[in-house]
Amino acid sequence: MCVTTESLADGQVWLDLRGLRDLGGLGDYHPPCITTIFPSFFIMTSSLTIGIDFDNTIVLYEDLFHRCALAEGLIRPETPKDKKAIRDEIRQLPQGEARWTILQGVVYGWRMSEAKLAEGFKGFMAWARNNGYYTCVISHKTQYPALGEKIDLREVARQWMRQQGFFDPAGFGLNPETDVFFEDTLAHKLQRIANKNCDIFIDDLEEVLYHADFPRWVKRIHYTRELECPPEIVACANWLEIVNWCESANLTNTNS
């Protein structure tokens, strides 16, 4: 059950009683919280559930995309190490869309071991764990590339996560079965965010955060260098900024 206001005008209080829903099974259940939301002020009590996107949020590929595209003669050496700039340049080539799709399969596939963990992410996870917050990874990632070599992109991603200590109890301590989700479609990703009762979700894509079906009780953090966002969305350029925003927003764990 969820008790909310239809719209959140200035000064309204949103009581989120999602923990009272029909549990059925406890696989996706986390302790309920009470949320108070104002235009630029956000307070959570009890345990927080923080959902996080994977590609270009936790793992960064810009250097790798540039190296691979340059090696294939798809871009100029002076092309910025920026995924959008690389994509746009490749799309101008003959069969550019197909060549870009194949390149993505290479980067997200057999070359993924060269991708980098986002700077500051380890510190964020340590902060979340020290505060008793639950974190999970929810990604829109198909199992196989649309074009090019057939390789299981999800298994490759899990291997990369394993190498980075995601599933090590002494590392990030995530469970690959219950804390990491790769979804076939954007709609399935949005449904998973809702099913996991996320209080916060962090993503680099506007098409996710601005989607009409995005769960409206979830506080959205846009992982982006472009810091202009609507007031209901928080923009942060790096993981340290995310931690600092959470601290300044008084996200306190009342269970400690």
C-alpha atoms as a PDB file:
ATOM      1  CA  MET A   1       0.000   0.000   0.000  1.00  0.00           C
ATOM      2  CA  CYS A   2       1.257   3.480  -0.775  1.00  0.00           C
ATOM      3  CA  VAL A   3      -0.219   6.666   0.687  1.00  0.00           C
ATOM      4  CA  THR A   4       0.817   9.748  -1.284  1.00  0.00           C
ATOM      5  CA  THR A   5      -0.454  13.077  -2.486  1.00  0.00           C
ATOM      6  CA  GLU A   6      -1.406  13.270  -6.157  1.00  0.00           C
ATOM      7  CA  SER A   7       1.060  16.091  -6.679  1.00  0.00           C
ATOM      8  CA  LEU A   8       3.845  17.444  -4.507  1.00  0.00           C
ATOM      9  CA  ALA A   9       3.336  21.178  -4.117  1.00  0.00           C
ATOM     10  CA  ASP A  10       5.599  23.278  -1.907  1.00  0.00           C
ATOM     11  CA  GLY A  11       5.517  22.093   1.692  1.00  0.00           C
ATOM     12  CA  GLN A  12       3.497  18.936   1.095  1.00  0.00           C
ATOM     13  CA  VAL A  13       4.421  15.791   2.979  1.00  0.00           C
ATOM     14  CA  TRP A  14       4.683  12.437   1.244  1.00  0.00           C
ATOM     15  CA  LEU A  15       4.166   9.442   3.508  1.00  0.00           C
ATOM     16  CA  ASP A  16       5.538   6.391   1.755  1.00  0.00           C
ATOM     17  CA  LEU A  17       4.160   3.245   3.352  1.00  0.00           C
ATOM     18  CA  ARG A  18       5.272   0.825   0.676  1.00  0.00           C
ATOM     19  CA  GLY A  19       6.375  -1.652   3.326  1.00  0.00           C
ATOM     20  CA  LEU A  20       2.700  -2.374   4.049  1.00  0.00           C
ATOM     21  CA  ARG A  21       2.087  -3.806   0.592  1.00  0.00           C
ATOM     22  CA  ASP A  22       1.126  -7.439   0.116  1.00  0.00           C
ATOM     23  CA  LEU A  23       4.537  -9.038   0.596  1.00  0.00           C
ATOM     24  CA  GLY A  24       3.839 -12.475  -0.808  1.00  0.00           C
ATOM     25  CA  GLY A  25       7.545 -13.226  -0.748  1.00  0.00           C
ATOM     26  CA  LEU A  26      10.250 -11.066   0.791  1.00  0.00           C
ATOM     27  CA  GLY A  27      12.664 -11.218  -2.142  1.00  0.00           C
ATOM     28  CA  ASP A  28      12.287  -7.544  -3.066  1.00  0.00           C
ATOM     29  CA  TYR A  29      11.252  -6.236   0.341  1.00  0.00           C
ATOM     30  CA  HIS A  30      13.326  -3.776   2.319  1.00  0.00           C
ATOM     31  CA  PRO A  31      12.383  -1.926   5.501  1.00  0.00           C
ATOM     32  CA  PRO A  32       9.721   0.730   4.930  1.00  0.00           C
ATOM     33  CA  CYS A  33      10.564   4.366   5.285  1.00  0.00           C
ATOM     34  CA  ILE A  34       8.770   7.630   5.752  1.00  0.00           C
ATOM     35  CA  THR A  35       9.736  10.285   3.258  1.00  0.00           C
ATOM     36  CA  THR A  36       9.288  14.018   3.493  1.00  0.00           C
ATOM     37  CA  ILE A  37       9.849  15.874   0.236  1.00  0.00           C
ATOM     38  CA  PHE A  38      10.109  19.591  -0.426  1.00  0.00           C
ATOM     39  CA  PRO A  39      11.244  21.215  -3.685  1.00  0.00           C
ATOM     40  CA  SER A  40      14.964  21.014  -2.845  1.00  0.00           C
ATOM     41  CA  PHE A  41      14.988  19.156   0.470  1.00  0.00           C
ATOM     42  CA  PHE A  42      14.840  15.418   0.952  1.00  0.00           C
ATOM     43  CA  ILE A  43      14.855  13.470   4.217  1.00  0.00           C
ATOM     44  CA  MET A  44      14.722   9.706   4.558  1.00  0.00           C
ATOM     45  CA  THR A  45      14.369   7.740   7.746  1.00  0.00           C
ATOM     46  CA  SER A  46      15.019   4.052   8.372  1.00  0.00           C
ATOM     47  CA  SER A  47      16.908   1.940   5.835  1.00  0.00           C
ATOM     48  CA  LEU A  48      17.495   3.424   2.391  1.00  0.00           C
ATOM     49  CA  THR A  49      17.381   1.463  -0.854  1.00  0.00           C
ATOM     50  CA  ILE A  50      19.669   3.006  -3.465  1.00  0.00           C
ATOM     51  CA  GLY A  51      19.409   1.721  -7.035  1.00  0.00           C
ATOM     52  CA  ILE A  52      22.271   2.362  -9.447  1.00  0.00           C
ATOM     53  CA  ASP A  53      22.579   2.096 -13.204  1.00  0.00           C
ATOM     54  CA  PHE A  54      25.608   0.183 -14.538  1.00  0.00           C
ATOM     55  CA  ASP A  55      26.973   1.299 -17.933  1.00  0.00           C
ATOM     56  CA  ASN A  56      28.458   4.816 -17.933  1.00  0.00           C
ATOM     57  CA  THR A  57      27.486   5.273 -14.288  1.00  0.00           C
ATOM     58  CA  ILE A  58      29.455   2.626 -12.379  1.00  0.00           C
ATOM     59  CA  VAL A  59      31.690   1.543 -15.246  1.00  0.00           C
ATOM     60  CA  LEU A  60      33.129   4.130 -17.646  1.00  0.00           C
ATOM     61  CA  TYR A  61      34.041   3.398 -21.249  1.00  0.00           C
ATOM     62  CA  GLU A  62      35.013   6.734 -22.819  1.00  0.00           C
ATOM     63  CA  ASP A  63      38.751   6.003 -23.090  1.00  0.00           C
ATOM     64  CA  LEU A  64      38.024   2.480 -24.316  1.00  0.00           C
ATOM     65  CA  PHE A  65      35.510   3.657 -26.937  1.00  0.00           C
ATOM     66  CA  HIS A  66      38.077   6.148 -28.211  1.00  0.00           C
ATOM     67  CA  ARG A  67      40.863   3.546 -28.450  1.00  0.00           C
ATOM     68  CA  CYS A  68      38.688   0.965 -30.197  1.00  0.00           C
ATOM     69  CA  ALA A  69      37.132   3.445 -32.631  1.00  0.00           C
ATOM     70  CA  LEU A  70      40.521   4.931 -33.474  1.00  0.00           C
ATOM     71  CA  ALA A  71      42.016   1.468 -34.066  1.00  0.00           C
ATOM     72  CA  GLU A  72      39.189   0.713 -36.518  1.00  0.00           C
ATOM     73  CA  GLY A  73      39.664   4.027 -38.338  1.00  0.00           C
ATOM     74  CA  LEU A  74      36.183   5.213 -37.373  1.00  0.00           C
ATOM     75  CA  ILE A  75      37.189   8.521 -35.770  1.00  0.00           C
ATOM     76  CA  ARG A  76      39.964  11.133 -35.913  1.00  0.00           C
ATOM     77  CA  PRO A  77      42.678  11.232 -33.216  1.00  0.00           C
ATOM     78  CA  GLU A  78      41.416  14.666 -32.150  1.00  0.00           C
ATOM     79  CA  THR A  79      37.862  13.413 -31.571  1.00  0.00           C
ATOM     80  CA  PRO A  80      37.023  14.081 -27.894  1.00  0.00           C
ATOM     81  CA  LYS A  81      37.024  11.143 -25.520  1.00  0.00           C
ATOM     82  CA  ASP A  82      33.292  11.481 -25.122  1.00  0.00           C
ATOM     83  CA  LYS A  83      30.840   8.721 -25.963  1.00  0.00           C
ATOM     84  CA  LYS A  84      28.310  11.033 -27.584  1.00  0.00           C
ATOM     85  CA  ALA A  85      30.971  12.766 -29.714  1.00  0.00           C
ATOM     86  CA  ILE A  86      32.363   9.396 -30.816  1.00  0.00           C
ATOM     87  CA  ARG A  87      28.900   8.047 -31.616  1.00  0.00           C
ATOM     88  CA  ASP A  88      27.884  11.124 -33.587  1.00  0.00           C
ATOM     89  CA  GLU A  89      31.067  11.040 -35.671  1.00  0.00           C
ATOM     90  CA  ILE A  90      30.718   7.342 -36.481  1.00  0.00           C
ATOM     91  CA  ARG A  91      27.083   7.776 -37.461  1.00  0.00           C
ATOM     92  CA  GLN A  92      28.182  10.180 -40.197  1.00  0.00           C
ATOM     93  CA  LEU A  93      30.066   7.347 -41.931  1.00  0.00           C
ATOM     94  CA  PRO A  94      28.568   5.008 -44.554  1.00  0.00           C
ATOM     95  CA  GLN A  95      26.615   2.348 -42.641  1.00  0.00           C
ATOM     96  CA  GLY A  96      27.455   4.414 -39.593  1.00  0.00           C
ATOM     97  CA  GLU A  97      24.624   3.180 -37.398  1.00  0.00           C
ATOM     98  CA  ALA A  98      25.581  -0.457 -37.963  1.00  0.00           C
ATOM     99  CA  ARG A  99      29.267   0.291 -37.357  1.00  0.00           C
ATOM    100  CA  TRP A 100      28.438   2.062 -34.107  1.00  0.00           C
ATOM    101  CA  THR A 101      26.299  -0.888 -32.980  1.00  0.00           C
ATOM    102  CA  ILE A 102      29.126  -3.325 -33.732  1.00  0.00           C
ATOM    103  CA  LEU A 103      31.609  -1.133 -31.843  1.00  0.00           C
ATOM    104  CA  GLN A 104      29.357  -1.158 -28.791  1.00  0.00           C
ATOM    105  CA  GLY A 105      29.301  -4.959 -28.897  1.00  0.00           C
ATOM    106  CA  VAL A 106      33.105  -4.978 -28.895  1.00  0.00           C
ATOM    107  CA  VAL A 107      33.443  -2.502 -26.017  1.00  0.00           C
ATOM    108  CA  TYR A 108      30.693  -4.047 -23.880  1.00  0.00           C
ATOM    109  CA  GLY A 109      31.884  -7.531 -24.861  1.00  0.00           C
ATOM    110  CA  TRP A 110      35.380  -8.954 -25.232  1.00  0.00           C
ATOM    111  CA  ARG A 111      37.140  -5.625 -24.543  1.00  0.00           C
ATOM    112  CA  MET A 112      35.188  -4.823 -21.374  1.00  0.00           C
ATOM    113  CA  SER A 113      37.995  -5.973 -19.107  1.00  0.00           C
ATOM    114  CA  GLU A 114      39.740  -2.712 -20.109  1.00  0.00           C
ATOM    115  CA  ALA A 115      36.862  -0.524 -18.868  1.00  0.00           C
ATOM    116  CA  LYS A 116      37.340   1.562 -15.717  1.00  0.00           C
ATOM    117  CA  LEU A 117      35.458   1.736 -12.447  1.00  0.00           C
ATOM    118  CA  ALA A 118      34.155   5.275 -12.003  1.00  0.00           C
ATOM    119  CA  GLU A 119      36.371   7.367  -9.751  1.00  0.00           C
ATOM    120  CA  GLY A 120      34.863   7.762  -6.319  1.00  0.00           C
ATOM    121  CA  PHE A 121      32.508   4.783  -6.605  1.00  0.00           C
ATOM    122  CA  LYS A 122      34.439   2.771  -4.013  1.00  0.00           C
ATOM    123  CA  GLY A 123      34.092   5.650  -1.589  1.00  0.00           C
ATOM    124  CA  PHE A 124      30.358   5.873  -2.282  1.00  0.00           C
ATOM    125  CA  MET A 125      29.855   2.168  -1.601  1.00  0.00           C
ATOM    126  CA  ALA A 126      31.874   2.394   1.614  1.00  0.00           C
ATOM    127  CA  TRP A 127      29.720   5.351   2.693  1.00  0.00           C
ATOM    128  CA  ALA A 128      26.514   3.440   1.878  1.00  0.00           C
ATOM    129  CA  ARG A 129      27.655   0.332   3.723  1.00  0.00           C
ATOM    130  CA  ASN A 130      28.821   2.310   6.771  1.00  0.00           C
ATOM    131  CA  ASN A 131      25.366   3.895   6.974  1.00  0.00           C
ATOM    132  CA  GLY A 132      23.564   0.562   6.590  1.00  0.00           C
ATOM    133  CA  TYR A 133      22.013   1.450   3.219  1.00  0.00           C
ATOM    134  CA  TYR A 134      21.015  -1.254   0.751  1.00  0.00           C
ATOM    135  CA  THR A 135      22.420  -0.851  -2.782  1.00  0.00           C
ATOM    136  CA  CYS A 136      21.505  -2.696  -5.955  1.00  0.00           C
ATOM    137  CA  VAL A 137      22.437  -2.453  -9.633  1.00  0.00           C
ATOM    138  CA  ILE A 138      19.621  -2.189 -12.188  1.00  0.00           C
ATOM    139  CA  SER A 139      20.651  -1.966 -15.839  1.00  0.00           C
ATOM    140  CA  HIS A 140      19.034  -2.123 -19.263  1.00  0.00           C
ATOM    141  CA  LYS A 141      21.460  -4.556 -20.900  1.00  0.00           C
ATOM    142  CA  THR A 142      20.527  -7.113 -23.531  1.00  0.00           C
ATOM    143  CA  GLN A 143      22.150 -10.522 -23.288  1.00  0.00           C
ATOM    144  CA  TYR A 144      23.726 -10.415 -26.760  1.00  0.00           C
ATOM    145  CA  PRO A 145      24.798  -7.609 -29.140  1.00  0.00           C
ATOM    146  CA  ALA A 146      22.378  -6.694 -31.917  1.00  0.00           C
ATOM    147  CA  LEU A 147      25.192  -7.009 -34.478  1.00  0.00           C
ATOM    148  CA  GLY A 148      28.674  -8.488 -34.545  1.00  0.00           C
ATOM    149  CA  GLU A 149      30.188 -11.311 -32.536  1.00  0.00           C
ATOM    150  CA  LYS A 150      27.714 -13.169 -30.328  1.00  0.00           C
ATOM    151  CA  ILE A 151      28.953 -12.844 -26.772  1.00  0.00           C
ATOM    152  CA  ASP A 152      26.994 -12.902 -23.529  1.00  0.00           C
ATOM    153  CA  LEU A 153      27.194  -9.246 -22.465  1.00  0.00           C
ATOM    154  CA  ARG A 154      25.630  -9.909 -19.092  1.00  0.00           C
ATOM    155  CA  GLU A 155      28.103 -12.616 -18.175  1.00  0.00           C
ATOM    156  CA  VAL A 156      30.974 -10.378 -19.300  1.00  0.00           C
ATOM    157  CA  ALA A 157      29.610  -7.608 -17.078  1.00  0.00           C
ATOM    158  CA  ARG A 158      29.364  -9.978 -14.119  1.00  0.00           C
ATOM    159  CA  GLN A 159      32.951 -11.143 -14.710  1.00  0.00           C
ATOM    160  CA  TRP A 160      34.107  -7.510 -14.692  1.00  0.00           C
ATOM    161  CA  MET A 161      32.155  -6.897 -11.482  1.00  0.00           C
ATOM    162  CA  ARG A 162      33.684  -9.984  -9.910  1.00  0.00           C
ATOM    163  CA  GLN A 163      37.188  -8.753 -10.784  1.00  0.00           C
ATOM    164  CA  GLN A 164      36.360  -5.380  -9.186  1.00  0.00           C
ATOM    165  CA  GLY A 165      35.251  -6.991  -5.919  1.00  0.00           C
ATOM    166  CA  PHE A 166      31.501  -6.413  -6.276  1.00  0.00           C
ATOM    167  CA  PHE A 167      30.635  -9.877  -4.960  1.00  0.00           C
ATOM    168  CA  ASP A 168      33.403 -10.127  -2.360  1.00  0.00           C
ATOM    169  CA  PRO A 169      32.092  -9.757   1.215  1.00  0.00           C
ATOM    170  CA  ALA A 170      35.258  -7.787   1.955  1.00  0.00           C
ATOM    171  CA  GLY A 171      34.620  -5.625  -1.115  1.00  0.00           C
ATOM    172  CA  PHE A 172      31.226  -4.233  -2.134  1.00  0.00           C
ATOM    173  CA  GLY A 173      29.408  -7.288  -0.785  1.00  0.00           C
ATOM    174  CA  LEU A 174      26.681  -7.528  -3.430  1.00  0.00           C
ATOM    175  CA  ASN A 175      24.871 -10.767  -4.220  1.00  0.00           C
ATOM    176  CA  PRO A 176      24.935 -11.422  -7.993  1.00  0.00           C
ATOM    177  CA  GLU A 177      21.517 -13.089  -7.843  1.00  0.00           C
ATOM    178  CA  THR A 178      19.546 -10.679  -5.638  1.00  0.00           C
ATOM    179  CA  ASP A 179      21.382  -7.353  -5.988  1.00  0.00           C
ATOM    180  CA  VAL A 180      22.286  -7.173  -9.705  1.00  0.00           C
ATOM    181  CA  PHE A 181      19.662  -7.037 -12.462  1.00  0.00           C
ATOM    182  CA  PHE A 182      20.153  -6.816 -16.218  1.00  0.00           C
ATOM    183  CA  GLU A 183      16.862  -6.115 -17.960  1.00  0.00           C
ATOM    184  CA  ASP A 184      15.854  -6.708 -21.595  1.00  0.00           C
ATOM    185  CA  THR A 185      13.970  -3.428 -22.023  1.00  0.00           C
ATOM    186  CA  LEU A 186      13.716   0.043 -20.512  1.00  0.00           C
ATOM    187  CA  ALA A 187      10.183  -0.783 -19.379  1.00  0.00           C
ATOM    188  CA  HIS A 188      11.494  -3.794 -17.467  1.00  0.00           C
ATOM    189  CA  LYS A 189      14.195  -1.630 -15.892  1.00  0.00           C
ATOM    190  CA  LEU A 190      11.619   0.881 -14.659  1.00  0.00           C
ATOM    191  CA  GLN A 191       9.490  -1.933 -13.273  1.00  0.00           C
ATOM    192  CA  ARG A 192      12.486  -3.372 -11.441  1.00  0.00           C
ATOM    193  CA  ILE A 193      13.221   0.031  -9.867  1.00  0.00           C
ATOM    194  CA  ALA A 194       9.642   0.040  -8.597  1.00  0.00           C
ATOM    195  CA  ASN A 195       9.708  -3.594  -7.447  1.00  0.00           C
ATOM    196  CA  LYS A 196      12.918  -3.045  -5.475  1.00  0.00           C
ATOM    197  CA  ASN A 197      11.254  -0.127  -3.667  1.00  0.00           C
ATOM    198  CA  CYS A 198      14.156   2.163  -4.495  1.00  0.00           C
ATOM    199  CA  ASP A 199      14.227   5.404  -2.527  1.00  0.00           C
ATOM    200  CA  ILE A 200      16.979   6.864  -4.743  1.00  0.00           C
ATOM    201  CA  PHE A 201      18.044   5.945  -8.261  1.00  0.00           C
ATOM    202  CA  ILE A 202      21.262   7.100  -9.943  1.00  0.00           C
ATOM    203  CA  ASP A 203      21.552   7.051 -13.747  1.00  0.00           C
ATOM    204  CA  ASP A 204      23.397   8.843 -16.528  1.00  0.00           C
ATOM    205  CA  LEU A 205      20.515   8.743 -19.030  1.00  0.00           C
ATOM    206  CA  GLU A 206      17.783  11.351 -19.282  1.00  0.00           C
ATOM    207  CA  GLU A 207      15.578   8.842 -21.113  1.00  0.00           C
ATOM    208  CA  VAL A 208      15.432   6.813 -17.900  1.00  0.00           C
ATOM    209  CA  LEU A 209      15.113   9.563 -15.299  1.00  0.00           C
ATOM    210  CA  TYR A 210      12.663  11.669 -17.309  1.00  0.00           C
ATOM    211  CA  HIS A 211      10.509   8.765 -18.456  1.00  0.00           C
ATOM    212  CA  ALA A 212       6.775   9.138 -17.826  1.00  0.00           C
ATOM    213  CA  ASP A 213       6.666   5.710 -16.156  1.00  0.00           C
ATOM    214  CA  PHE A 214       9.570   6.341 -13.798  1.00  0.00           C
ATOM    215  CA  PRO A 215       8.319   5.575 -10.243  1.00  0.00           C
ATOM    216  CA  ARG A 216       7.353   8.955  -8.838  1.00  0.00           C
ATOM    217  CA  TRP A 217       8.296   8.223  -5.212  1.00  0.00           C
ATOM    218  CA  VAL A 218      11.966   7.690  -6.188  1.00  0.00           C
ATOM    219  CA  LYS A 219      14.432  10.567  -5.791  1.00  0.00           C
ATOM    220  CA  ARG A 220      16.362  10.857  -9.076  1.00  0.00           C
ATOM    221  CA  ILE A 221      20.079  11.655  -9.268  1.00  0.00           C
ATOM    222  CA  HIS A 222      21.422  12.419 -12.734  1.00  0.00           C
ATOM    223  CA  TYR A 223      25.070  11.366 -13.059  1.00  0.00           C
ATOM    224  CA  THR A 224      26.155  14.024 -15.542  1.00  0.00           C
ATOM    225  CA  ARG A 225      28.631  16.836 -16.167  1.00  0.00           C
ATOM    226  CA  GLU A 226      25.728  19.018 -17.288  1.00  0.00           C
ATOM    227  CA  LEU A 227      24.465  20.418 -14.023  1.00  0.00           C
ATOM    228  CA  GLU A 228      21.209  21.991 -15.179  1.00  0.00           C
ATOM    229  CA  CYS A 229      18.231  19.820 -14.275  1.00  0.00           C
ATOM    230  CA  PRO A 230      14.588  20.325 -13.302  1.00  0.00           C
ATOM    231  CA  PRO A 231      14.192  20.951  -9.556  1.00  0.00           C
ATOM    232  CA  GLU A 232      12.899  17.433  -8.931  1.00  0.00           C
ATOM    233  CA  ILE A 233      16.151  15.922 -10.243  1.00  0.00           C
ATOM    234  CA  VAL A 234      19.575  16.295  -8.612  1.00  0.00           C
ATOM    235  CA  ALA A 235      22.566  16.610 -10.981  1.00  0.00           C
ATOM    236  CA  CYS A 236      25.964  15.360  -9.794  1.00  0.00           C
ATOM    237  CA  ALA A 237      29.140  15.197 -11.882  1.00  0.00           C
ATOM    238  CA  ASN A 238      30.870  12.490  -9.832  1.00  0.00           C
ATOM    239  CA  TRP A 239      30.401  10.083  -6.938  1.00  0.00           C
ATOM    240  CA  LEU A 240      31.907  12.420  -4.372  1.00  0.00           C
ATOM    241  CA  GLU A 241      29.248  14.995  -5.269  1.00  0.00           C
ATOM    242  CA  ILE A 242      26.577  12.318  -4.823  1.00  0.00           C
ATOM    243  CA  VAL A 243      27.847  11.493  -1.327  1.00  0.00           C
ATOM    244  CA  ASN A 244      28.102  15.196  -0.475  1.00  0.00           C
ATOM    245  CA  TRP A 245      24.547  15.831  -1.671  1.00  0.00           C
ATOM    246  CA  CYS A 246      23.228  12.904   0.348  1.00  0.00           C
ATOM    247  CA  GLU A 247      25.028  14.185   3.429  1.00  0.00           C
ATOM    248  CA  SER A 248      23.760  17.736   2.953  1.00  0.00           C
ATOM    249  CA  ALA A 249      20.216  16.430   2.428  1.00  0.00           C
ATOM    250  CA  ASN A 250      20.349  14.812   5.884  1.00  0.00           C
ATOM    251  CA  LEU A 251      20.033  11.241   4.675  1.00  0.00           C
ATOM    252  CA  THR A 252      20.513   9.747   8.109  1.00  0.00           C
ATOM    253  CA  ASN A 253      20.170   6.113   9.128  1.00  0.00           C
ATOM    254  CA  THR A 254      17.939   6.035  12.193  1.00  0.00           C
ATOM    255  CA  ASN A 255      18.726   2.339  12.744  1.00  0.00           C
ATOM    256  CA  SER A 256      22.307   3.073  13.784  1.00  0.00           C
END
